[in-house]
Amino acid sequence: MKVPEKRFDGIVRKAVGRIPKEIRKHLDNLVISVLPRPSLEMRKEMGLGPNDELLGLFQGVALTERSITAPPLYPDTIFLFQRPLEEMCETVEELEEQIEITVVHEVAHYIGMDEERLAELGYE
């Protein structure tokens, strides 16, 4: 499936609105940026092979690793990769759900939420 960039942005907004408040409240301090695909540098940083796909990526300093004496230099960002997300979905509903799941997992990296809590919230 493929959707125009503007429509994709609307789907992202709708998907973010579905995220439980416990997690969504942390988005106030994060930038969500949509890119067509991860850059070569991002792929290398993640140790991905040529056939590995990446749906999202958190870049920044997790809350659990912050220091008052060394604040982050750049805004914390969640990158969503439009083409890989579209390629794994057949409908807009599936795309919206996968974006929600991806954002939740990236926010979890930011706030230090463990996999057990994600599973309790239905994001396995």
PDB file of N, CA and C in Angstrom:
ATOM      1  N   MET A   1       0.846  -1.176   0.000  1.00  0.00           N
ATOM      2  CA  MET A   1       0.000   0.000   0.000  1.00  0.00           C
ATOM      3  C   MET A   1       0.885   1.229   0.000  1.00  0.00           C
ATOM      4  N   LYS A   2       0.365   2.301  -0.578  1.00  0.00           N
ATOM      5  CA  LYS A   2       1.098   3.567  -0.594  1.00  0.00           C
ATOM      6  C   LYS A   2       0.087   4.699  -0.459  1.00  0.00           C
ATOM      7  N   VAL A   3       0.379   5.642   0.453  1.00  0.00           N
ATOM      8  CA  VAL A   3      -0.503   6.790   0.641  1.00  0.00           C
ATOM      9  C   VAL A   3       0.312   8.064   0.467  1.00  0.00           C
ATOM     10  N   PRO A   4      -0.339   9.129   0.029  1.00  0.00           N
ATOM     11  CA  PRO A   4       0.377  10.404  -0.097  1.00  0.00           C
ATOM     12  C   PRO A   4       0.917  10.861   1.260  1.00  0.00           C
ATOM     13  N   GLU A   5       1.992  11.617   1.222  1.00  0.00           N
ATOM     14  CA  GLU A   5       2.672  12.071   2.439  1.00  0.00           C
ATOM     15  C   GLU A   5       1.716  12.786   3.397  1.00  0.00           C
ATOM     16  N   LYS A   6       0.877  13.666   2.879  1.00  0.00           N
ATOM     17  CA  LYS A   6      -0.044  14.424   3.725  1.00  0.00           C
ATOM     18  C   LYS A   6      -1.047  13.493   4.420  1.00  0.00           C
ATOM     19  N   ARG A   7      -1.540  12.515   3.696  1.00  0.00           N
ATOM     20  CA  ARG A   7      -2.474  11.558   4.296  1.00  0.00           C
ATOM     21  C   ARG A   7      -1.763  10.712   5.345  1.00  0.00           C
ATOM     22  N   PHE A   8      -0.530  10.333   5.061  1.00  0.00           N
ATOM     23  CA  PHE A   8       0.248   9.557   6.027  1.00  0.00           C
ATOM     24  C   PHE A   8       0.376  10.335   7.329  1.00  0.00           C
ATOM     25  N   ASP A   9       0.654  11.637   7.240  1.00  0.00           N
ATOM     26  CA  ASP A   9       0.762  12.473   8.436  1.00  0.00           C
ATOM     27  C   ASP A   9      -0.541  12.449   9.237  1.00  0.00           C
ATOM     28  N   GLY A  10      -1.673  12.469   8.542  1.00  0.00           N
ATOM     29  CA  GLY A  10      -2.973  12.391   9.219  1.00  0.00           C
ATOM     30  C   GLY A  10      -3.176  11.052   9.905  1.00  0.00           C
ATOM     31  N   ILE A  11      -2.720   9.984   9.266  1.00  0.00           N
ATOM     32  CA  ILE A  11      -2.821   8.649   9.857  1.00  0.00           C
ATOM     33  C   ILE A  11      -1.947   8.575  11.107  1.00  0.00           C
ATOM     34  N   VAL A  12      -0.765   9.199  11.052  1.00  0.00           N
ATOM     35  CA  VAL A  12       0.120   9.237  12.225  1.00  0.00           C
ATOM     36  C   VAL A  12      -0.587   9.952  13.378  1.00  0.00           C
ATOM     37  N   ARG A  13      -1.202  11.109  13.103  1.00  0.00           N
ATOM     38  CA  ARG A  13      -1.905  11.849  14.161  1.00  0.00           C
ATOM     39  C   ARG A  13      -3.014  10.998  14.777  1.00  0.00           C
ATOM     40  N   LYS A  14      -3.768  10.312  13.932  1.00  0.00           N
ATOM     41  CA  LYS A  14      -4.854   9.470  14.425  1.00  0.00           C
ATOM     42  C   LYS A  14      -4.306   8.306  15.263  1.00  0.00           C
ATOM     43  N   ALA A  15      -3.216   7.693  14.799  1.00  0.00           N
ATOM     44  CA  ALA A  15      -2.612   6.576  15.523  1.00  0.00           C
ATOM     45  C   ALA A  15      -2.089   7.040  16.884  1.00  0.00           C
ATOM     46  N   VAL A  16      -1.462   8.205  16.923  1.00  0.00           N
ATOM     47  CA  VAL A  16      -0.940   8.743  18.188  1.00  0.00           C
ATOM     48  C   VAL A  16      -2.086   9.002  19.162  1.00  0.00           C
ATOM     49  N   GLY A  17      -3.222   9.442  18.661  1.00  0.00           N
ATOM     50  CA  GLY A  17      -4.383   9.693  19.507  1.00  0.00           C
ATOM     51  C   GLY A  17      -4.930   8.443  20.168  1.00  0.00           C
ATOM     52  N   ARG A  18      -4.628   7.290  19.618  1.00  0.00           N
ATOM     53  CA  ARG A  18      -5.099   6.014  20.171  1.00  0.00           C
ATOM     54  C   ARG A  18      -4.206   5.492  21.290  1.00  0.00           C
ATOM     55  N   ILE A  19      -3.031   6.043  21.428  1.00  0.00           N
ATOM     56  CA  ILE A  19      -2.064   5.556  22.411  1.00  0.00           C
ATOM     57  C   ILE A  19      -2.563   5.868  23.821  1.00  0.00           C
ATOM     58  N   PRO A  20      -2.437   4.922  24.752  1.00  0.00           N
ATOM     59  CA  PRO A  20      -2.875   5.174  26.135  1.00  0.00           C
ATOM     60  C   PRO A  20      -2.201   6.411  26.721  1.00  0.00           C
ATOM     61  N   LYS A  21      -2.961   7.144  27.527  1.00  0.00           N
ATOM     62  CA  LYS A  21      -2.480   8.397  28.108  1.00  0.00           C
ATOM     63  C   LYS A  21      -1.176   8.221  28.876  1.00  0.00           C
ATOM     64  N   GLU A  22      -1.026   7.088  29.553  1.00  0.00           N
ATOM     65  CA  GLU A  22       0.189   6.798  30.324  1.00  0.00           C
ATOM     66  C   GLU A  22       1.450   6.937  29.464  1.00  0.00           C
ATOM     67  N   ILE A  23       1.322   6.590  28.201  1.00  0.00           N
ATOM     68  CA  ILE A  23       2.457   6.673  27.279  1.00  0.00           C
ATOM     69  C   ILE A  23       2.412   7.971  26.484  1.00  0.00           C
ATOM     70  N   ARG A  24       1.230   8.345  26.018  1.00  0.00           N
ATOM     71  CA  ARG A  24       1.074   9.528  25.161  1.00  0.00           C
ATOM     72  C   ARG A  24       1.554  10.806  25.838  1.00  0.00           C
ATOM     73  N   LYS A  25       1.435  10.896  27.164  1.00  0.00           N
ATOM     74  CA  LYS A  25       1.838  12.118  27.859  1.00  0.00           C
ATOM     75  C   LYS A  25       3.320  12.425  27.656  1.00  0.00           C
ATOM     76  N   HIS A  26       4.118  11.424  27.350  1.00  0.00           N
ATOM     77  CA  HIS A  26       5.553  11.626  27.140  1.00  0.00           C
ATOM     78  C   HIS A  26       5.870  12.185  25.756  1.00  0.00           C
ATOM     79  N   LEU A  27       4.897  12.196  24.876  1.00  0.00           N
ATOM     80  CA  LEU A  27       5.133  12.710  23.522  1.00  0.00           C
ATOM     81  C   LEU A  27       5.291  14.228  23.502  1.00  0.00           C
ATOM     82  N   ASP A  28       4.868  14.911  24.575  1.00  0.00           N
ATOM     83  CA  ASP A  28       4.997  16.369  24.622  1.00  0.00           C
ATOM     84  C   ASP A  28       6.443  16.815  24.503  1.00  0.00           C
ATOM     85  N   ASN A  29       7.377  15.969  24.894  1.00  0.00           N
ATOM     86  CA  ASN A  29       8.788  16.328  24.877  1.00  0.00           C
ATOM     87  C   ASN A  29       9.557  15.644  23.746  1.00  0.00           C
ATOM     88  N   LEU A  30       8.839  15.067  22.800  1.00  0.00           N
ATOM     89  CA  LEU A  30       9.460  14.364  21.687  1.00  0.00           C
ATOM     90  C   LEU A  30       9.008  14.945  20.358  1.00  0.00           C
ATOM     91  N   VAL A  31       9.892  14.898  19.398  1.00  0.00           N
ATOM     92  CA  VAL A  31       9.556  15.255  18.022  1.00  0.00           C
ATOM     93  C   VAL A  31       9.260  13.947  17.290  1.00  0.00           C
ATOM     94  N   ILE A  32       8.175  13.911  16.530  1.00  0.00           N
ATOM     95  CA  ILE A  32       7.919  12.765  15.660  1.00  0.00           C
ATOM     96  C   ILE A  32       8.174  13.234  14.242  1.00  0.00           C
ATOM     97  N   SER A  33       9.101  12.575  13.584  1.00  0.00           N
ATOM     98  CA  SER A  33       9.494  12.945  12.229  1.00  0.00           C
ATOM     99  C   SER A  33       9.287  11.748  11.304  1.00  0.00           C
ATOM    100  N   VAL A  34       8.712  12.004  10.134  1.00  0.00           N
ATOM    101  CA  VAL A  34       8.474  10.943   9.160  1.00  0.00           C
ATOM    102  C   VAL A  34       9.499  11.080   8.035  1.00  0.00           C
ATOM    103  N   LEU A  35      10.172   9.992   7.751  1.00  0.00           N
ATOM    104  CA  LEU A  35      11.111   9.913   6.640  1.00  0.00           C
ATOM    105  C   LEU A  35      10.667   8.780   5.728  1.00  0.00           C
ATOM    106  N   PRO A  36      10.992   8.860   4.438  1.00  0.00           N
ATOM    107  CA  PRO A  36      10.609   7.753   3.553  1.00  0.00           C
ATOM    108  C   PRO A  36      11.211   6.417   3.997  1.00  0.00           C
ATOM    109  N   ARG A  37      12.494   6.426   4.288  1.00  0.00           N
ATOM    110  CA  ARG A  37      13.212   5.234   4.729  1.00  0.00           C
ATOM    111  C   ARG A  37      14.344   5.666   5.662  1.00  0.00           C
ATOM    112  N   PRO A  38      14.866   4.747   6.456  1.00  0.00           N
ATOM    113  CA  PRO A  38      16.017   5.113   7.289  1.00  0.00           C
ATOM    114  C   PRO A  38      17.240   5.382   6.410  1.00  0.00           C
ATOM    115  N   SER A  39      18.065   6.308   6.857  1.00  0.00           N
ATOM    116  CA  SER A  39      19.290   6.603   6.121  1.00  0.00           C
ATOM    117  C   SER A  39      20.269   5.434   6.265  1.00  0.00           C
ATOM    118  N   LEU A  40      21.265   5.419   5.421  1.00  0.00           N
ATOM    119  CA  LEU A  40      22.304   4.399   5.500  1.00  0.00           C
ATOM    120  C   LEU A  40      22.998   4.466   6.859  1.00  0.00           C
ATOM    121  N   GLU A  41      23.223   5.681   7.342  1.00  0.00           N
ATOM    122  CA  GLU A  41      23.853   5.872   8.660  1.00  0.00           C
ATOM    123  C   GLU A  41      22.992   5.260   9.769  1.00  0.00           C
ATOM    124  N   MET A  42      21.677   5.479   9.717  1.00  0.00           N
ATOM    125  CA  MET A  42      20.772   4.906  10.719  1.00  0.00           C
ATOM    126  C   MET A  42      20.813   3.382  10.664  1.00  0.00           C
ATOM    127  N   ARG A  43      20.817   2.844   9.470  1.00  0.00           N
ATOM    128  CA  ARG A  43      20.839   1.387   9.302  1.00  0.00           C
ATOM    129  C   ARG A  43      22.127   0.798   9.878  1.00  0.00           C
ATOM    130  N   LYS A  44      23.244   1.472   9.621  1.00  0.00           N
ATOM    131  CA  LYS A  44      24.531   1.004  10.149  1.00  0.00           C
ATOM    132  C   LYS A  44      24.534   1.082  11.672  1.00  0.00           C
ATOM    133  N   GLU A  45      24.027   2.209  12.194  1.00  0.00           N
ATOM    134  CA  GLU A  45      23.970   2.418  13.645  1.00  0.00           C
ATOM    135  C   GLU A  45      23.179   1.307  14.335  1.00  0.00           C
ATOM    136  N   MET A  46      22.149   0.822  13.688  1.00  0.00           N
ATOM    137  CA  MET A  46      21.299  -0.227  14.249  1.00  0.00           C
ATOM    138  C   MET A  46      21.820  -1.629  13.940  1.00  0.00           C
ATOM    139  N   GLY A  47      22.889  -1.717  13.135  1.00  0.00           N
ATOM    140  CA  GLY A  47      23.462  -3.015  12.788  1.00  0.00           C
ATOM    141  C   GLY A  47      22.570  -3.827  11.865  1.00  0.00           C
ATOM    142  N   LEU A  48      21.837  -3.150  10.980  1.00  0.00           N
ATOM    143  CA  LEU A  48      20.905  -3.840  10.096  1.00  0.00           C
ATOM    144  C   LEU A  48      21.580  -4.320   8.824  1.00  0.00           C
ATOM    145  N   GLY A  49      21.170  -5.479   8.380  1.00  0.00           N
ATOM    146  CA  GLY A  49      21.632  -6.019   7.116  1.00  0.00           C
ATOM    147  C   GLY A  49      20.815  -5.455   5.966  1.00  0.00           C
ATOM    148  N   PRO A  50      21.182  -5.788   4.732  1.00  0.00           N
ATOM    149  CA  PRO A  50      20.493  -5.229   3.558  1.00  0.00           C
ATOM    150  C   PRO A  50      19.015  -5.617   3.460  1.00  0.00           C
ATOM    151  N   ASN A  51      18.634  -6.741   4.035  1.00  0.00           N
ATOM    152  CA  ASN A  51      17.234  -7.179   3.948  1.00  0.00           C
ATOM    153  C   ASN A  51      16.425  -6.889   5.207  1.00  0.00           C
ATOM    154  N   ASP A  52      17.047  -6.269   6.214  1.00  0.00           N
ATOM    155  CA  ASP A  52      16.353  -5.938   7.458  1.00  0.00           C
ATOM    156  C   ASP A  52      15.625  -4.612   7.304  1.00  0.00           C
ATOM    157  N   GLU A  53      14.389  -4.574   7.774  1.00  0.00           N
ATOM    158  CA  GLU A  53      13.617  -3.331   7.719  1.00  0.00           C
ATOM    159  C   GLU A  53      13.543  -2.688   9.086  1.00  0.00           C
ATOM    160  N   LEU A  54      13.397  -1.394   9.083  1.00  0.00           N
ATOM    161  CA  LEU A  54      13.267  -0.613  10.299  1.00  0.00           C
ATOM    162  C   LEU A  54      12.014   0.238  10.146  1.00  0.00           C
ATOM    163  N   LEU A  55      11.089   0.130  11.096  1.00  0.00           N
ATOM    164  CA  LEU A  55       9.826   0.868  11.027  1.00  0.00           C
ATOM    165  C   LEU A  55       9.912   2.194  11.766  1.00  0.00           C
ATOM    166  N   GLY A  56      10.680   2.212  12.843  1.00  0.00           N
ATOM    167  CA  GLY A  56      10.815   3.417  13.647  1.00  0.00           C
ATOM    168  C   GLY A  56      12.126   3.398  14.399  1.00  0.00           C
ATOM    169  N   LEU A  57      12.524   4.570  14.888  1.00  0.00           N
ATOM    170  CA  LEU A  57      13.787   4.682  15.600  1.00  0.00           C
ATOM    171  C   LEU A  57      13.708   5.856  16.568  1.00  0.00           C
ATOM    172  N   PHE A  58      14.119   5.613  17.806  1.00  0.00           N
ATOM    173  CA  PHE A  58      14.246   6.688  18.779  1.00  0.00           C
ATOM    174  C   PHE A  58      15.691   7.155  18.762  1.00  0.00           C
ATOM    175  N   GLN A  59      15.899   8.454  18.587  1.00  0.00           N
ATOM    176  CA  GLN A  59      17.232   9.040  18.691  1.00  0.00           C
ATOM    177  C   GLN A  59      17.184  10.126  19.746  1.00  0.00           C
ATOM    178  N   GLY A  60      18.023   9.980  20.728  1.00  0.00           N
ATOM    179  CA  GLY A  60      18.064  10.938  21.813  1.00  0.00           C
ATOM    180  C   GLY A  60      18.634  10.302  23.057  1.00  0.00           C
ATOM    181  N   VAL A  61      18.334  10.898  24.175  1.00  0.00           N
ATOM    182  CA  VAL A  61      18.811  10.401  25.463  1.00  0.00           C
ATOM    183  C   VAL A  61      17.597   9.951  26.267  1.00  0.00           C
ATOM    184  N   ALA A  62      17.565   8.679  26.601  1.00  0.00           N
ATOM    185  CA  ALA A  62      16.451   8.138  27.379  1.00  0.00           C
ATOM    186  C   ALA A  62      16.375   8.843  28.732  1.00  0.00           C
ATOM    187  N   LEU A  63      15.172   8.967  29.253  1.00  0.00           N
ATOM    188  CA  LEU A  63      14.988   9.624  30.549  1.00  0.00           C
ATOM    189  C   LEU A  63      15.798   8.939  31.644  1.00  0.00           C
ATOM    190  N   THR A  64      15.975   7.640  31.527  1.00  0.00           N
ATOM    191  CA  THR A  64      16.717   6.888  32.537  1.00  0.00           C
ATOM    192  C   THR A  64      18.218   7.144  32.475  1.00  0.00           C
ATOM    193  N   GLU A  65      18.688   7.796  31.412  1.00  0.00           N
ATOM    194  CA  GLU A  65      20.123   8.050  31.240  1.00  0.00           C
ATOM    195  C   GLU A  65      20.470   9.538  31.300  1.00  0.00           C
ATOM    196  N   ARG A  66      19.524  10.360  31.653  1.00  0.00           N
ATOM    197  CA  ARG A  66      19.742  11.811  31.669  1.00  0.00           C
ATOM    198  C   ARG A  66      20.554  12.247  32.867  1.00  0.00           C
ATOM    199  N   SER A  67      21.245  13.346  32.677  1.00  0.00           N
ATOM    200  CA  SER A  67      22.042  13.939  33.735  1.00  0.00           C
ATOM    201  C   SER A  67      21.784  15.438  33.749  1.00  0.00           C
ATOM    202  N   ILE A  68      21.633  15.992  34.926  1.00  0.00           N
ATOM    203  CA  ILE A  68      21.426  17.435  35.058  1.00  0.00           C
ATOM    204  C   ILE A  68      22.654  18.191  34.583  1.00  0.00           C
ATOM    205  N   THR A  69      23.805  17.606  34.779  1.00  0.00           N
ATOM    206  CA  THR A  69      25.050  18.296  34.402  1.00  0.00           C
ATOM    207  C   THR A  69      25.384  18.169  32.925  1.00  0.00           C
ATOM    208  N   ALA A  70      24.728  17.249  32.218  1.00  0.00           N
ATOM    209  CA  ALA A  70      24.989  17.077  30.786  1.00  0.00           C
ATOM    210  C   ALA A  70      23.674  16.911  30.038  1.00  0.00           C
ATOM    211  N   PRO A  71      22.930  18.011  29.848  1.00  0.00           N
ATOM    212  CA  PRO A  71      21.640  17.902  29.156  1.00  0.00           C
ATOM    213  C   PRO A  71      21.847  17.528  27.682  1.00  0.00           C
ATOM    214  N   PRO A  72      20.824  16.948  27.044  1.00  0.00           N
ATOM    215  CA  PRO A  72      20.936  16.570  25.635  1.00  0.00           C
ATOM    216  C   PRO A  72      21.205  17.798  24.760  1.00  0.00           C
ATOM    217  N   LEU A  73      21.975  17.597  23.708  1.00  0.00           N
ATOM    218  CA  LEU A  73      22.292  18.687  22.786  1.00  0.00           C
ATOM    219  C   LEU A  73      21.213  18.893  21.734  1.00  0.00           C
ATOM    220  N   TYR A  74      20.478  17.828  21.417  1.00  0.00           N
ATOM    221  CA  TYR A  74      19.477  17.875  20.352  1.00  0.00           C
ATOM    222  C   TYR A  74      18.135  17.388  20.898  1.00  0.00           C
ATOM    223  N   PRO A  75      17.056  17.769  20.235  1.00  0.00           N
ATOM    224  CA  PRO A  75      15.751  17.272  20.711  1.00  0.00           C
ATOM    225  C   PRO A  75      15.652  15.760  20.512  1.00  0.00           C
ATOM    226  N   ASP A  76      14.995  15.111  21.437  1.00  0.00           N
ATOM    227  CA  ASP A  76      14.741  13.679  21.310  1.00  0.00           C
ATOM    228  C   ASP A  76      13.707  13.492  20.202  1.00  0.00           C
ATOM    229  N   THR A  77      13.963  12.519  19.329  1.00  0.00           N
ATOM    230  CA  THR A  77      13.142  12.352  18.140  1.00  0.00           C
ATOM    231  C   THR A  77      12.768  10.898  17.934  1.00  0.00           C
ATOM    232  N   ILE A  78      11.522  10.691  17.545  1.00  0.00           N
ATOM    233  CA  ILE A  78      11.079   9.390  17.052  1.00  0.00           C
ATOM    234  C   ILE A  78      10.942   9.535  15.546  1.00  0.00           C
ATOM    235  N   PHE A  79      11.679   8.714  14.819  1.00  0.00           N
ATOM    236  CA  PHE A  79      11.565   8.682  13.371  1.00  0.00           C
ATOM    237  C   PHE A  79      10.642   7.539  12.987  1.00  0.00           C
ATOM    238  N   LEU A  80       9.688   7.826  12.113  1.00  0.00           N
ATOM    239  CA  LEU A  80       8.837   6.805  11.514  1.00  0.00           C
ATOM    240  C   LEU A  80       9.224   6.711  10.045  1.00  0.00           C
ATOM    241  N   PHE A  81       9.326   5.491   9.536  1.00  0.00           N
ATOM    242  CA  PHE A  81       9.754   5.285   8.160  1.00  0.00           C
ATOM    243  C   PHE A  81       8.566   4.833   7.319  1.00  0.00           C
ATOM    244  N   GLN A  82       8.084   5.767   6.508  1.00  0.00           N
ATOM    245  CA  GLN A  82       6.825   5.596   5.788  1.00  0.00           C
ATOM    246  C   GLN A  82       6.813   4.382   4.865  1.00  0.00           C
ATOM    247  N   ARG A  83       7.798   4.229   4.012  1.00  0.00           N
ATOM    248  CA  ARG A  83       7.757   3.141   3.019  1.00  0.00           C
ATOM    249  C   ARG A  83       7.747   1.757   3.668  1.00  0.00           C
ATOM    250  N   PRO A  84       8.638   1.468   4.625  1.00  0.00           N
ATOM    251  CA  PRO A  84       8.557   0.142   5.262  1.00  0.00           C
ATOM    252  C   PRO A  84       7.224  -0.103   5.972  1.00  0.00           C
ATOM    253  N   LEU A  85       6.678   0.935   6.602  1.00  0.00           N
ATOM    254  CA  LEU A  85       5.372   0.788   7.253  1.00  0.00           C
ATOM    255  C   LEU A  85       4.296   0.488   6.217  1.00  0.00           C
ATOM    256  N   GLU A  86       4.306   1.204   5.111  1.00  0.00           N
ATOM    257  CA  GLU A  86       3.311   0.965   4.061  1.00  0.00           C
ATOM    258  C   GLU A  86       3.457  -0.434   3.467  1.00  0.00           C
ATOM    259  N   GLU A  87       4.695  -0.850   3.277  1.00  0.00           N
ATOM    260  CA  GLU A  87       4.949  -2.144   2.629  1.00  0.00           C
ATOM    261  C   GLU A  87       4.455  -3.324   3.451  1.00  0.00           C
ATOM    262  N   MET A  88       4.387  -3.171   4.768  1.00  0.00           N
ATOM    263  CA  MET A  88       3.938  -4.298   5.587  1.00  0.00           C
ATOM    264  C   MET A  88       2.424  -4.300   5.828  1.00  0.00           C
ATOM    265  N   CYS A  89       1.731  -3.279   5.339  1.00  0.00           N
ATOM    266  CA  CYS A  89       0.290  -3.154   5.591  1.00  0.00           C
ATOM    267  C   CYS A  89      -0.497  -3.204   4.284  1.00  0.00           C
ATOM    268  N   GLU A  90      -1.718  -3.722   4.391  1.00  0.00           N
ATOM    269  CA  GLU A  90      -2.595  -3.804   3.228  1.00  0.00           C
ATOM    270  C   GLU A  90      -3.736  -2.802   3.274  1.00  0.00           C
ATOM    271  N   THR A  91      -4.064  -2.312   4.470  1.00  0.00           N
ATOM    272  CA  THR A  91      -5.170  -1.371   4.607  1.00  0.00           C
ATOM    273  C   THR A  91      -4.733  -0.178   5.450  1.00  0.00           C
ATOM    274  N   VAL A  92      -5.495   0.897   5.383  1.00  0.00           N
ATOM    275  CA  VAL A  92      -5.214   2.070   6.207  1.00  0.00           C
ATOM    276  C   VAL A  92      -5.349   1.718   7.680  1.00  0.00           C
ATOM    277  N   GLU A  93      -6.305   0.860   8.015  1.00  0.00           N
ATOM    278  CA  GLU A  93      -6.500   0.451   9.401  1.00  0.00           C
ATOM    279  C   GLU A  93      -5.268  -0.284   9.936  1.00  0.00           C
ATOM    280  N   GLU A  94      -4.717  -1.185   9.118  1.00  0.00           N
ATOM    281  CA  GLU A  94      -3.500  -1.896   9.523  1.00  0.00           C
ATOM    282  C   GLU A  94      -2.344  -0.913   9.682  1.00  0.00           C
ATOM    283  N   LEU A  95      -2.249   0.041   8.770  1.00  0.00           N
ATOM    284  CA  LEU A  95      -1.187   1.045   8.825  1.00  0.00           C
ATOM    285  C   LEU A  95      -1.288   1.868  10.103  1.00  0.00           C
ATOM    286  N   GLU A  96      -2.487   2.296  10.424  1.00  0.00           N
ATOM    287  CA  GLU A  96      -2.706   3.073  11.647  1.00  0.00           C
ATOM    288  C   GLU A  96      -2.306   2.264  12.883  1.00  0.00           C
ATOM    289  N   GLU A  97      -2.693   1.001  12.917  1.00  0.00           N
ATOM    290  CA  GLU A  97      -2.353   0.146  14.054  1.00  0.00           C
ATOM    291  C   GLU A  97      -0.840  -0.053  14.153  1.00  0.00           C
ATOM    292  N   GLN A  98      -0.178  -0.276  13.017  1.00  0.00           N
ATOM    293  CA  GLN A  98       1.264  -0.512  13.051  1.00  0.00           C
ATOM    294  C   GLN A  98       2.022   0.756  13.447  1.00  0.00           C
ATOM    295  N   ILE A  99       1.539   1.910  13.033  1.00  0.00           N
ATOM    296  CA  ILE A  99       2.156   3.175  13.447  1.00  0.00           C
ATOM    297  C   ILE A  99       2.008   3.338  14.957  1.00  0.00           C
ATOM    298  N   GLU A 100       0.823   3.053  15.479  1.00  0.00           N
ATOM    299  CA  GLU A 100       0.595   3.133  16.928  1.00  0.00           C
ATOM    300  C   GLU A 100       1.578   2.239  17.672  1.00  0.00           C
ATOM    301  N   ILE A 101       1.696   1.006  17.248  1.00  0.00           N
ATOM    302  CA  ILE A 101       2.602   0.047  17.891  1.00  0.00           C
ATOM    303  C   ILE A 101       4.045   0.545  17.823  1.00  0.00           C
ATOM    304  N   THR A 102       4.437   1.042  16.671  1.00  0.00           N
ATOM    305  CA  THR A 102       5.809   1.521  16.478  1.00  0.00           C
ATOM    306  C   THR A 102       6.108   2.709  17.377  1.00  0.00           C
ATOM    307  N   VAL A 103       5.199   3.680  17.432  1.00  0.00           N
ATOM    308  CA  VAL A 103       5.410   4.858  18.281  1.00  0.00           C
ATOM    309  C   VAL A 103       5.481   4.444  19.749  1.00  0.00           C
ATOM    310  N   VAL A 104       4.596   3.560  20.168  1.00  0.00           N
ATOM    311  CA  VAL A 104       4.599   3.112  21.562  1.00  0.00           C
ATOM    312  C   VAL A 104       5.933   2.461  21.913  1.00  0.00           C
ATOM    313  N   HIS A 105       6.444   1.618  21.042  1.00  0.00           N
ATOM    314  CA  HIS A 105       7.718   0.958  21.325  1.00  0.00           C
ATOM    315  C   HIS A 105       8.865   1.967  21.392  1.00  0.00           C
ATOM    316  N   GLU A 106       8.835   2.975  20.541  1.00  0.00           N
ATOM    317  CA  GLU A 106       9.905   3.976  20.564  1.00  0.00           C
ATOM    318  C   GLU A 106       9.789   4.864  21.810  1.00  0.00           C
ATOM    319  N   VAL A 107       8.575   5.210  22.225  1.00  0.00           N
ATOM    320  CA  VAL A 107       8.392   5.974  23.464  1.00  0.00           C
ATOM    321  C   VAL A 107       8.867   5.140  24.648  1.00  0.00           C
ATOM    322  N   ALA A 108       8.614   3.844  24.600  1.00  0.00           N
ATOM    323  CA  ALA A 108       9.062   2.962  25.680  1.00  0.00           C
ATOM    324  C   ALA A 108      10.584   3.021  25.830  1.00  0.00           C
ATOM    325  N   HIS A 109      11.309   3.097  24.720  1.00  0.00           N
ATOM    326  CA  HIS A 109      12.767   3.244  24.796  1.00  0.00           C
ATOM    327  C   HIS A 109      13.125   4.559  25.488  1.00  0.00           C
ATOM    328  N   TYR A 110      12.378   5.598  25.176  1.00  0.00           N
ATOM    329  CA  TYR A 110      12.632   6.928  25.734  1.00  0.00           C
ATOM    330  C   TYR A 110      12.401   6.971  27.243  1.00  0.00           C
ATOM    331  N   ILE A 111      11.326   6.339  27.718  1.00  0.00           N
ATOM    332  CA  ILE A 111      10.978   6.446  29.141  1.00  0.00           C
ATOM    333  C   ILE A 111      11.493   5.274  29.979  1.00  0.00           C
ATOM    334  N   GLY A 112      12.117   4.299  29.325  1.00  0.00           N
ATOM    335  CA  GLY A 112      12.658   3.172  30.071  1.00  0.00           C
ATOM    336  C   GLY A 112      11.608   2.151  30.477  1.00  0.00           C
ATOM    337  N   MET A 113      10.515   2.072  29.737  1.00  0.00           N
ATOM    338  CA  MET A 113       9.460   1.095  30.027  1.00  0.00           C
ATOM    339  C   MET A 113       9.920  -0.280  29.565  1.00  0.00           C
ATOM    340  N   ASP A 114       9.694  -1.292  30.394  1.00  0.00           N
ATOM    341  CA  ASP A 114      10.136  -2.631  30.025  1.00  0.00           C
ATOM    342  C   ASP A 114       9.084  -3.363  29.192  1.00  0.00           C
ATOM    343  N   GLU A 115       9.518  -4.468  28.601  1.00  0.00           N
ATOM    344  CA  GLU A 115       8.657  -5.262  27.729  1.00  0.00           C
ATOM    345  C   GLU A 115       7.454  -5.823  28.481  1.00  0.00           C
ATOM    346  N   GLU A 116       7.623  -6.117  29.755  1.00  0.00           N
ATOM    347  CA  GLU A 116       6.522  -6.656  30.561  1.00  0.00           C
ATOM    348  C   GLU A 116       5.371  -5.649  30.637  1.00  0.00           C
ATOM    349  N   ARG A 117       5.697  -4.393  30.897  1.00  0.00           N
ATOM    350  CA  ARG A 117       4.659  -3.356  30.980  1.00  0.00           C
ATOM    351  C   ARG A 117       4.011  -3.136  29.609  1.00  0.00           C
ATOM    352  N   LEU A 118       4.818  -3.164  28.558  1.00  0.00           N
ATOM    353  CA  LEU A 118       4.250  -3.038  27.216  1.00  0.00           C
ATOM    354  C   LEU A 118       3.257  -4.158  26.947  1.00  0.00           C
ATOM    355  N   ALA A 119       3.599  -5.363  27.354  1.00  0.00           N
ATOM    356  CA  ALA A 119       2.698  -6.513  27.164  1.00  0.00           C
ATOM    357  C   ALA A 119       1.411  -6.320  27.948  1.00  0.00           C
ATOM    358  N   GLU A 120       1.526  -5.789  29.180  1.00  0.00           N
ATOM    359  CA  GLU A 120       0.326  -5.521  29.986  1.00  0.00           C
ATOM    360  C   GLU A 120      -0.598  -4.543  29.287  1.00  0.00           C
ATOM    361  N   LEU A 121      -0.014  -3.599  28.543  1.00  0.00           N
ATOM    362  CA  LEU A 121      -0.808  -2.605  27.825  1.00  0.00           C
ATOM    363  C   LEU A 121      -1.275  -3.104  26.462  1.00  0.00           C
ATOM    364  N   GLY A 122      -0.876  -4.345  26.097  1.00  0.00           N
ATOM    365  CA  GLY A 122      -1.310  -4.928  24.840  1.00  0.00           C
ATOM    366  C   GLY A 122      -0.379  -4.659  23.672  1.00  0.00           C
ATOM    367  N   TYR A 123       0.853  -4.283  23.941  1.00  0.00           N
ATOM    368  CA  TYR A 123       1.835  -3.989  22.884  1.00  0.00           C
ATOM    369  C   TYR A 123       2.992  -4.977  22.963  1.00  0.00           C
ATOM    370  N   GLU A 124       2.741  -6.194  22.515  1.00  0.00           N
ATOM    371  CA  GLU A 124       3.776  -7.235  22.598  1.00  0.00           C
ATOM    372  C   GLU A 124       4.677  -7.218  21.398  1.00  0.00           C
TER     373      GLU A 124
END
